Amino acid sequence: MLTHKELKSRALSRADVKAEYERLDEEFALFDEFLKARTAAGITQAEVADRIGTTQSAVARLESGRGKHSPSLATLQKYAHALGYRLELRLINEAIKAGGLTSKFSGPKKPGR
């Protein structure tokens, strides 16, 4: 029987599987951050649900990333605030990222700057 690590390695050796895995990596990384923050805060899914006015099962779906619909920005902000965090979104220039650097988008420049 294959271990999880062996199965993952075998699956990722296929180009189509690897491409899909990499496409989903950003999304799962975000949900992983939420799960880690909740665990670090010692808060249950039910407690988060109570704080943001939803059900435990809705929080479980959000954390798994397997819901039928992507959560709204407002929902993600509520979740973050329920844990004592704030949500920060960034745009990363893929061309710069490929070179090993990242760039934050600070918005349009104001006249005279």
Protein backbone atom coordinates (compact mmCIF):
# COMPACT_ATOMS: atom_id res chain seq x y z
CA MET A 1 0.00 0.00 0.00
CA LEU A 2 1.25 3.46 -0.91
CA THR A 3 1.78 6.12 1.72
CA HIS A 4 0.18 9.53 1.22
CA LYS A 5 3.58 10.97 0.32
CA GLU A 6 4.21 8.28 -2.29
CA LEU A 7 0.74 8.63 -3.78
CA LYS A 8 1.10 12.41 -3.99
CA SER A 9 4.53 12.10 -5.62
CA ARG A 10 3.20 9.61 -8.16
CA ALA A 11 0.16 11.75 -8.97
CA LEU A 12 2.24 14.93 -9.33
CA SER A 13 4.51 13.21 -11.84
CA ARG A 14 1.61 13.55 -14.31
CA ALA A 15 1.67 16.95 -16.02
CA ASP A 16 -2.13 17.37 -15.98
CA VAL A 17 -2.39 16.59 -12.27
CA LYS A 18 0.54 18.85 -11.42
CA ALA A 19 -0.95 21.76 -13.38
CA GLU A 20 -4.30 21.45 -11.56
CA TYR A 21 -2.54 21.06 -8.20
CA GLU A 22 -0.55 24.24 -8.79
CA ARG A 23 -3.67 26.10 -9.98
CA LEU A 24 -5.43 25.29 -6.72
CA ASP A 25 -2.38 25.91 -4.52
CA GLU A 26 -3.15 29.58 -3.82
CA GLU A 27 -6.75 28.85 -2.86
CA PHE A 28 -5.85 26.02 -0.51
CA ALA A 29 -3.03 28.06 1.02
CA LEU A 30 -5.54 30.74 2.02
CA PHE A 31 -7.90 28.23 3.63
CA ASP A 32 -4.93 26.63 5.38
CA GLU A 33 -4.06 30.03 6.88
CA PHE A 34 -7.60 30.36 8.23
CA LEU A 35 -7.46 26.89 9.76
CA LYS A 36 -4.05 27.53 11.35
CA ALA A 37 -5.24 30.85 12.80
CA ARG A 38 -8.37 29.26 14.27
CA THR A 39 -6.38 26.40 15.76
CA ALA A 40 -3.81 28.80 17.22
CA ALA A 41 -6.62 30.85 18.77
CA GLY A 42 -8.08 27.71 20.35
CA ILE A 43 -11.49 28.40 18.83
CA THR A 44 -13.82 25.71 17.48
CA GLN A 45 -15.69 25.90 14.20
CA ALA A 46 -18.90 26.23 16.21
CA GLU A 47 -17.50 29.24 18.08
CA VAL A 48 -16.46 30.92 14.83
CA ALA A 49 -19.91 30.20 13.41
CA ASP A 50 -21.57 31.79 16.43
CA ARG A 51 -19.36 34.87 16.17
CA ILE A 52 -20.10 35.45 12.49
CA GLY A 53 -23.73 34.38 12.49
CA THR A 54 -23.60 31.14 10.52
CA THR A 55 -23.51 27.40 11.14
CA GLN A 56 -20.61 25.14 12.05
CA SER A 57 -21.10 23.22 8.82
CA ALA A 58 -20.75 26.45 6.81
CA VAL A 59 -17.44 27.15 8.58
CA ALA A 60 -16.30 23.59 7.85
CA ARG A 61 -17.11 24.07 4.15
CA LEU A 62 -15.25 27.39 4.11
CA GLU A 63 -12.15 25.84 5.70
CA SER A 64 -12.17 22.88 3.33
CA GLY A 65 -12.49 25.00 0.20
CA ARG A 66 -14.98 22.48 -1.14
CA GLY A 67 -18.16 24.56 -1.06
CA LYS A 68 -20.29 24.97 -4.14
CA HIS A 69 -19.65 28.70 -4.04
CA SER A 70 -16.55 30.67 -3.21
CA PRO A 71 -16.95 32.66 0.00
CA SER A 72 -17.42 36.40 -0.41
CA LEU A 73 -14.80 38.87 0.66
CA ALA A 74 -17.19 40.00 3.41
CA THR A 75 -17.43 36.42 4.75
CA LEU A 76 -13.66 36.02 4.76
CA GLN A 77 -13.33 39.35 6.61
CA LYS A 78 -15.91 38.27 9.20
CA TYR A 79 -14.06 35.00 9.73
CA ALA A 80 -10.75 36.81 10.17
CA HIS A 81 -12.26 39.32 12.61
CA ALA A 82 -13.86 36.50 14.63
CA LEU A 83 -10.32 35.24 15.28
CA GLY A 84 -8.90 38.67 16.06
CA TYR A 85 -7.24 39.06 12.66
CA ARG A 86 -7.74 41.33 9.69
CA LEU A 87 -7.76 40.15 6.11
CA GLU A 88 -5.08 41.54 3.80
CA LEU A 89 -5.24 40.99 0.06
CA ARG A 90 -2.31 41.57 -2.25
CA LEU A 91 -1.76 41.45 -5.98
CA ILE A 92 1.46 39.67 -6.89
CA ASN A 93 3.00 40.37 -10.27
CA GLU A 94 3.53 36.89 -11.75
CA ALA A 95 6.40 38.07 -13.96
CA ILE A 96 8.29 39.44 -10.96
CA LYS A 97 7.37 36.42 -8.80
CA ALA A 98 8.89 34.10 -11.41
CA GLY A 99 12.19 35.93 -10.96
CA GLY A 100 12.13 35.29 -7.22
CA LEU A 101 10.77 38.70 -6.24
CA THR A 102 7.28 39.83 -5.26
CA SER A 103 5.67 43.22 -5.65
CA LYS A 104 2.80 44.74 -3.70
CA PHE A 105 0.32 46.86 -5.61
CA SER A 106 -0.19 50.09 -3.72
CA GLY A 107 -2.95 51.47 -5.92
CA PRO A 108 -2.95 54.21 -8.49
CA LYS A 109 -0.48 57.02 -8.04
CA LYS A 110 -1.97 60.32 -7.01
CA PRO A 111 -1.19 63.39 -9.10
CA GLY A 112 1.97 65.13 -7.96
CA ARG A 113 3.56 62.01 -6.48
